[in-house]
Amino acid sequence: MEFSAQQIAELVGGTVEGDAQRKVGTFAKIEEAGPHDLSFLANLKYAHHLYSTGAGVILIGNDFKPEQPVNATLIRVADPYSTLAMLMRMADELSRPRLSGITEQPSFVAEGVAVPADAYIGAFAYVGAGASLGAGVQIHPQAYIGPGVTIGEGTIIYPGAKIYHGCRIGARCIIHAGAVIGADGFGFAPMADGTYSKIPQMGCVEIADDVEIGANTTIDRATMGATVVGRGSKLDNLIQIAHNVEVGTDTVMAAQAGVAGSAKIGSGCMIGGQVGIAGHIKIGDHVSLGAQSGVHASIADGNTLMGTPAVDARKFMRISAYNNRLGDIFARVKEIEKELKNQSSK
């Protein structure tokens, strides 16, 4: 399926510069694109590719001024990156097969569970007693939906995902393959004889609307109450969210991050890969944590931290610069000691 630059511009509210009838049908990075590809320029450090790219159409910012002639047709928009994301979502929806009104066999749906006419339940999927499925839900093969689970309309559960009993999933969520929602939290009481007694995890997990959960991510059920992931938050692959954690709205978290029990993370936060967050602390709104940060204390709103233990990002950069110079500093100290020793021996 192909679209002209003019059609794309009308769709995204952009302005065409160049051949408005030039057609593209695929997406590509600016340095790799060909004449039938749509690309974009959002980061100015890649601007040099604009003059050599083979792309047919390129999304650029309204304020960008090319320094050389450009062969591609340009579409000026306010935000090239978000515009590209919107177009890719549209293209994905058009090209993706729509699975609806299908119940593949063998699969199991407990007696009394109402399956909407436009829902999809794949082969070997399991839907337990008392589950509630919203309109347009897609449950892919080998997914497990436990008893009493609620899934909102338009949510997609990909193959092999597991949702334990009593958990609540909002509308338009995406839960990727291998994710586990509602396994027991890590709760054990030390006994006098040195053994550990399991503390029943009697709460649940609540996932709000428009949340995406990556492959093999785990979100533990609460000891009491609920482990909560707020509306619009996006969790990458291989993340651990422990019992009774609360994640606010529109927070993003990269792969291999881990959050210990009862921590509270605010809204609009950006958490890098392999970040570790200790239990029972509070991360404010709009906090950014650099990759591999170790967070052991609460953080106020709007801060950017890096390192282990996490400190202000600017301080971390200074410390890193000092660390890189330690070898030279030690060598200089040895020279000074040698000079002083020579002077004292005269």
Protein backbone atom coordinates (compact mmCIF):
# COMPACT_ATOMS: atom_id res chain seq x y z
CA MET A 1 0.00 0.00 0.00
CA GLU A 2 1.42 3.37 -1.06
CA PHE A 3 0.58 6.95 -0.13
CA SER A 4 1.65 10.22 -1.70
CA ALA A 5 3.48 12.90 0.23
CA GLN A 6 0.39 15.08 -0.08
CA GLN A 7 -1.86 12.38 1.42
CA ILE A 8 0.55 11.89 4.31
CA ALA A 9 0.81 15.63 4.92
CA GLU A 10 -2.97 15.97 5.04
CA LEU A 11 -3.13 13.07 7.47
CA VAL A 12 -0.60 14.55 9.90
CA GLY A 13 -1.25 18.25 9.39
CA GLY A 14 2.09 18.86 7.69
CA THR A 15 3.35 21.00 4.81
CA VAL A 16 4.93 19.51 1.66
CA GLU A 17 8.13 20.85 0.12
CA GLY A 18 9.00 19.20 -3.19
CA ASP A 19 7.09 16.65 -5.25
CA ALA A 20 3.74 16.29 -3.47
CA GLN A 21 2.81 13.27 -5.62
CA ARG A 22 5.87 11.22 -4.72
CA LYS A 23 4.68 7.92 -3.24
CA VAL A 24 6.14 5.79 -0.46
CA GLY A 25 5.04 2.48 1.01
CA THR A 26 7.54 1.55 3.73
CA PHE A 27 9.57 3.07 6.57
CA ALA A 28 13.35 3.19 6.85
CA LYS A 29 16.17 4.93 8.73
CA ILE A 30 17.42 8.00 6.93
CA GLU A 31 20.88 6.52 6.25
CA GLU A 32 19.39 3.33 4.76
CA ALA A 33 16.22 4.56 3.03
CA GLY A 34 15.40 4.11 -0.65
CA PRO A 35 13.09 5.96 -3.05
CA HIS A 36 9.94 4.18 -1.84
CA ASP A 37 10.68 4.74 1.86
CA LEU A 38 9.41 7.32 4.33
CA SER A 39 12.05 8.46 6.82
CA PHE A 40 12.48 11.25 9.37
CA LEU A 41 14.99 13.64 10.89
CA ALA A 42 14.46 14.44 14.56
CA ASN A 43 18.01 14.53 15.96
CA LEU A 44 20.16 17.19 14.30
CA LYS A 45 23.36 15.17 14.73
CA TYR A 46 22.06 13.03 11.85
CA ALA A 47 21.32 16.05 9.65
CA HIS A 48 24.23 15.25 7.31
CA HIS A 49 22.32 12.17 6.11
CA LEU A 50 19.60 14.45 4.75
CA TYR A 51 21.81 15.49 1.82
CA SER A 52 22.85 11.98 0.77
CA THR A 53 19.83 9.84 1.65
CA GLY A 54 17.90 7.98 -1.02
CA ALA A 55 14.60 8.36 0.86
CA GLY A 56 11.55 9.37 -1.13
CA VAL A 57 9.87 11.40 1.62
CA ILE A 58 11.30 12.72 4.90
CA LEU A 59 9.55 14.18 7.93
CA ILE A 60 11.42 17.21 9.28
CA GLY A 61 10.73 19.87 11.88
CA ASN A 62 8.99 23.12 11.00
CA ASP A 63 12.03 25.18 12.00
CA PHE A 64 14.77 23.12 10.35
CA LYS A 65 16.64 24.91 7.53
CA PRO A 66 18.60 22.66 5.13
CA GLU A 67 22.13 23.88 4.36
CA GLN A 68 22.32 22.03 1.02
CA PRO A 69 19.89 20.92 -1.69
CA VAL A 70 17.75 17.91 -0.73
CA ASN A 71 16.55 15.37 -3.29
CA ALA A 72 13.76 13.95 -1.15
CA THR A 73 10.33 15.44 -0.74
CA LEU A 74 10.03 17.02 2.70
CA ILE A 75 7.01 17.12 4.99
CA ARG A 76 7.33 19.74 7.71
CA VAL A 77 5.67 18.89 11.04
CA ALA A 78 5.91 20.12 14.62
CA ASP A 79 7.49 16.89 15.93
CA PRO A 80 8.93 14.45 13.35
CA TYR A 81 9.48 11.63 15.85
CA SER A 82 5.96 11.57 17.29
CA THR A 83 4.51 12.03 13.80
CA LEU A 84 6.48 9.01 12.59
CA ALA A 85 5.23 6.99 15.55
CA MET A 86 1.63 7.90 14.69
CA LEU A 87 2.08 6.90 11.05
CA MET A 88 3.73 3.62 12.00
CA ARG A 89 0.83 2.79 14.34
CA MET A 90 -1.63 3.46 11.52
CA ALA A 91 0.36 1.32 9.09
CA ASP A 92 0.63 -1.48 11.65
CA GLU A 93 -3.13 -1.48 12.21
CA LEU A 94 -3.79 -1.60 8.46
CA SER A 95 -1.34 -4.44 7.81
CA ARG A 96 -1.93 -6.55 10.91
CA PRO A 97 -4.49 -9.36 10.50
CA ARG A 98 -7.52 -8.59 12.63
CA LEU A 99 -8.35 -11.61 14.74
CA SER A 100 -11.94 -11.39 15.83
CA GLY A 101 -14.94 -13.59 16.29
CA ILE A 102 -12.67 -16.64 16.47
CA THR A 103 -12.37 -19.31 19.11
CA GLU A 104 -9.69 -21.79 18.09
CA GLN A 105 -9.69 -25.36 19.34
CA PRO A 106 -8.44 -26.86 21.48
CA SER A 107 -8.83 -24.06 23.99
CA PHE A 108 -10.64 -23.87 27.31
CA VAL A 109 -13.17 -21.28 28.38
CA ALA A 110 -14.83 -21.95 31.72
CA GLU A 111 -18.57 -22.37 31.80
CA GLY A 112 -20.37 -19.09 32.30
CA VAL A 113 -17.63 -16.86 30.87
CA ALA A 114 -19.11 -14.60 28.20
CA VAL A 115 -16.89 -14.30 25.15
CA PRO A 116 -17.67 -11.15 23.12
CA ALA A 117 -18.47 -11.78 19.48
CA ASP A 118 -15.41 -9.83 18.34
CA ALA A 119 -12.99 -11.42 20.82
CA TYR A 120 -10.23 -13.81 19.82
CA ILE A 121 -9.15 -16.84 21.84
CA GLY A 122 -6.22 -18.78 20.39
CA ALA A 123 -5.47 -22.48 20.52
CA PHE A 124 -4.46 -23.92 23.90
CA ALA A 125 -5.44 -20.73 25.71
CA TYR A 126 -7.13 -21.07 29.12
CA VAL A 127 -9.79 -18.76 30.53
CA GLY A 128 -10.78 -19.54 34.11
CA ALA A 129 -14.12 -19.40 35.89
CA GLY A 130 -15.53 -15.97 36.58
CA ALA A 131 -13.23 -14.18 34.16
CA SER A 132 -14.62 -11.08 32.45
CA LEU A 133 -13.54 -10.26 28.88
CA GLY A 134 -14.17 -6.88 27.28
CA ALA A 135 -15.11 -6.27 23.66
CA GLY A 136 -12.34 -6.91 21.14
CA VAL A 137 -10.04 -8.69 23.59
CA GLN A 138 -7.38 -10.88 21.97
CA ILE A 139 -6.04 -13.85 23.91
CA HIS A 140 -3.32 -15.54 21.89
CA PRO A 141 -2.33 -19.22 21.98
CA GLN A 142 -1.10 -20.73 25.24
CA ALA A 143 -2.02 -17.67 27.29
CA TYR A 144 -3.44 -18.30 30.77
CA ILE A 145 -6.24 -16.17 32.18
CA GLY A 146 -6.92 -17.23 35.76
CA PRO A 147 -10.23 -17.36 37.62
CA GLY A 148 -11.84 -14.01 38.31
CA VAL A 149 -9.50 -12.03 36.04
CA THR A 150 -10.95 -8.90 34.44
CA ILE A 151 -9.65 -7.73 31.06
CA GLY A 152 -10.82 -4.45 29.54
CA GLU A 153 -11.86 -3.87 25.95
CA GLY A 154 -9.30 -3.99 23.18
CA THR A 155 -6.54 -5.49 25.32
CA ILE A 156 -4.12 -7.93 23.69
CA ILE A 157 -2.63 -10.85 25.62
CA TYR A 158 0.20 -12.36 23.57
CA PRO A 159 1.25 -16.05 23.51
CA GLY A 160 2.34 -17.62 26.75
CA ALA A 161 1.47 -14.68 29.00
CA LYS A 162 0.08 -15.67 32.40
CA ILE A 163 -2.41 -13.66 34.43
CA TYR A 164 -3.10 -15.15 37.85
CA HIS A 165 -6.43 -15.21 39.61
CA GLY A 166 -8.24 -12.02 40.54
CA CYS A 167 -5.99 -9.59 38.66
CA ARG A 168 -7.52 -6.65 36.82
CA ILE A 169 -6.29 -5.48 33.43
CA GLY A 170 -7.57 -2.25 31.88
CA ALA A 171 -8.62 -1.38 28.36
CA ARG A 172 -6.29 -1.20 25.35
CA CYS A 173 -3.40 -2.77 27.19
CA ILE A 174 -0.72 -4.90 25.53
CA ILE A 175 0.84 -7.76 27.49
CA HIS A 176 3.66 -9.45 25.62
CA ALA A 177 4.72 -13.08 25.48
CA GLY A 178 5.93 -14.68 28.68
CA ALA A 179 4.85 -11.88 31.00
CA VAL A 180 3.56 -13.03 34.38
CA ILE A 181 1.01 -10.88 36.17
CA GLY A 182 0.01 -11.75 39.71
CA ALA A 183 2.55 -14.34 40.86
CA ASP A 184 3.16 -14.35 44.61
CA GLY A 185 5.17 -11.51 46.07
CA PHE A 186 8.42 -12.44 47.81
CA GLY A 187 7.11 -12.61 51.36
CA PHE A 188 8.62 -14.94 53.97
CA ALA A 189 8.80 -14.58 57.75
CA PRO A 190 12.03 -15.73 59.45
CA MET A 191 11.38 -18.32 62.15
CA ALA A 192 13.26 -19.01 65.38
CA ASP A 193 14.74 -22.22 63.98
CA GLY A 194 16.26 -20.40 60.99
CA THR A 195 13.63 -21.47 58.48
CA TYR A 196 11.23 -19.21 56.61
CA SER A 197 7.45 -19.33 56.73
CA LYS A 198 5.60 -18.22 53.61
CA ILE A 199 3.34 -15.17 54.03
CA PRO A 200 0.23 -15.65 51.89
CA GLN A 201 0.01 -13.03 49.15
CA MET A 202 -3.70 -12.28 49.26
CA GLY A 203 -3.87 -9.10 47.18
CA CYS A 204 -3.95 -8.65 43.41
CA VAL A 205 -2.45 -6.67 40.54
CA GLU A 206 -4.28 -3.74 38.95
CA ILE A 207 -3.14 -2.62 35.49
CA ALA A 208 -4.83 0.61 34.34
CA ASP A 209 -5.82 1.51 30.76
CA ASP A 210 -3.31 1.88 27.91
CA VAL A 211 -0.44 0.12 29.68
CA GLU A 212 2.12 -1.95 27.75
CA ILE A 213 4.05 -4.72 29.51
CA GLY A 214 7.08 -6.24 27.80
CA ALA A 215 8.02 -9.88 27.26
CA ASN A 216 9.04 -11.85 30.36
CA THR A 217 8.27 -8.97 32.70
CA THR A 218 6.87 -10.00 36.07
CA ILE A 219 4.49 -8.04 38.29
CA ASP A 220 3.84 -9.65 41.67
CA ARG A 221 0.51 -9.60 43.45
CA ALA A 222 0.24 -7.63 46.67
CA THR A 223 0.42 -9.14 50.11
CA MET A 224 -2.73 -7.13 50.86
CA GLY A 225 -4.42 -4.60 48.61
CA ALA A 226 -2.99 -4.20 45.11
CA THR A 227 0.20 -3.80 43.13
CA VAL A 228 -0.66 -0.97 40.72
CA VAL A 229 0.60 0.16 37.32
CA GLY A 230 -0.97 3.49 36.32
CA ARG A 231 -2.61 4.56 33.09
CA GLY A 232 -0.40 4.89 30.06
CA SER A 233 2.78 3.51 31.65
CA LYS A 234 5.12 1.43 29.49
CA LEU A 235 7.27 -1.38 30.88
CA ASP A 236 10.03 -2.92 28.77
CA ASN A 237 11.05 -6.60 28.70
CA LEU A 238 12.56 -8.39 31.70
CA ILE A 239 11.40 -6.05 34.44
CA GLN A 240 10.56 -7.08 38.01
CA ILE A 241 7.83 -5.21 39.87
CA ALA A 242 7.52 -6.52 43.43
CA HIS A 243 4.48 -6.77 45.69
CA ASN A 244 2.57 -3.63 46.65
CA VAL A 245 4.59 -1.40 44.32
CA GLU A 246 2.71 1.54 42.85
CA VAL A 247 3.71 2.99 39.47
CA GLY A 248 2.09 6.27 38.44
CA THR A 249 0.70 7.34 35.08
CA ASP A 250 2.77 7.68 31.89
CA THR A 251 5.95 6.35 33.45
CA VAL A 252 8.39 4.45 31.22
CA MET A 253 10.82 1.82 32.42
CA ALA A 254 13.59 0.14 30.40
CA ALA A 255 14.68 -3.49 30.44
CA GLN A 256 16.05 -5.29 33.49
CA ALA A 257 14.95 -2.65 35.95
CA GLY A 258 13.81 -3.96 39.32
CA VAL A 259 11.56 -2.39 41.91
CA ALA A 260 11.45 -3.81 45.44
CA GLY A 261 8.33 -4.20 47.52
CA SER A 262 6.09 -1.26 48.49
CA ALA A 263 8.11 1.32 46.56
CA LYS A 264 6.04 4.13 45.07
CA ILE A 265 7.02 5.57 41.69
CA GLY A 266 5.40 8.78 40.51
CA SER A 267 3.95 9.84 37.18
CA GLY A 268 5.91 10.85 34.11
CA CYS A 269 9.12 9.18 35.30
CA MET A 270 11.83 7.80 32.99
CA ILE A 271 13.72 4.83 34.42
CA GLY A 272 16.72 3.46 32.53
CA GLY A 273 17.83 -0.11 32.02
CA GLN A 274 19.07 -2.16 35.00
CA VAL A 275 18.00 0.45 37.52
CA GLY A 276 17.43 -0.97 40.99
CA ILE A 277 14.94 0.71 43.33
CA ALA A 278 14.88 -0.24 47.00
CA GLY A 279 11.67 -1.07 48.81
CA HIS A 280 9.46 1.29 50.84
CA ILE A 281 10.80 4.48 49.22
CA LYS A 282 9.03 7.11 47.15
CA ILE A 283 10.11 8.36 43.74
CA GLY A 284 8.45 11.68 42.88
CA ASP A 285 6.85 12.74 39.62
CA HIS A 286 8.95 13.44 36.50
CA VAL A 287 12.08 11.84 37.93
CA SER A 288 14.72 10.50 35.50
CA LEU A 289 17.07 7.68 36.54
CA GLY A 290 20.07 6.83 34.35
CA ALA A 291 20.87 3.24 33.41
CA GLN A 292 22.25 1.03 36.22
CA SER A 293 21.41 3.54 38.91
CA GLY A 294 20.94 2.17 42.40
CA VAL A 295 18.27 4.07 44.32
CA HIS A 296 18.23 3.59 48.10
CA ALA A 297 16.38 6.71 49.27
CA SER A 298 13.31 8.69 48.29
CA ILE A 299 13.62 11.28 45.50
CA ALA A 300 11.69 14.53 45.19
CA ASP A 301 9.83 15.57 42.03
CA GLY A 302 11.73 16.55 38.92
CA ASN A 303 15.19 15.25 39.77
CA THR A 304 17.64 13.49 37.42
CA LEU A 305 19.96 10.98 39.09
CA MET A 306 22.63 8.52 38.03
CA GLY A 307 25.08 6.10 39.62
CA THR A 308 25.14 3.76 42.61
CA PRO A 309 24.18 5.06 45.06
CA ALA A 310 22.24 7.40 42.79
CA VAL A 311 23.27 11.06 42.95
CA ASP A 312 22.43 14.19 40.96
CA ALA A 313 23.37 13.53 37.32
CA ARG A 314 25.73 16.54 37.14
CA LYS A 315 27.55 15.40 40.27
CA PHE A 316 27.80 11.89 38.82
CA MET A 317 29.42 13.27 35.66
CA ARG A 318 31.99 15.18 37.73
CA ILE A 319 32.74 12.06 39.79
CA SER A 320 33.17 10.02 36.61
CA ALA A 321 35.57 12.62 35.23
CA TYR A 322 37.59 12.49 38.45
CA ASN A 323 37.68 8.69 38.35
CA ASN A 324 39.07 8.77 34.81
CA ARG A 325 41.91 10.98 36.02
CA LEU A 326 42.83 8.93 39.11
CA GLY A 327 45.70 7.15 37.39
CA ASP A 328 47.30 10.45 36.38
CA ILE A 329 46.71 11.91 39.84
CA PHE A 330 48.37 8.94 41.59
CA ALA A 331 51.30 9.11 39.18
CA ARG A 332 51.70 12.82 39.92
CA VAL A 333 51.53 12.19 43.68
CA LYS A 334 54.32 9.62 43.36
CA GLU A 335 56.42 12.12 41.44
CA ILE A 336 55.87 14.77 44.13
CA GLU A 337 56.73 12.27 46.90
CA LYS A 338 59.90 11.33 45.02
CA GLU A 339 60.85 15.02 44.60
CA LEU A 340 60.26 15.73 48.31
CA LYS A 341 62.30 12.68 49.30
CA ASN A 342 65.19 13.80 47.11
CA GLN A 343 65.05 17.30 48.57
CA SER A 344 65.04 16.01 52.15
CA SER A 345 68.06 13.79 51.51
CA LYS A 346 70.24 16.71 50.32
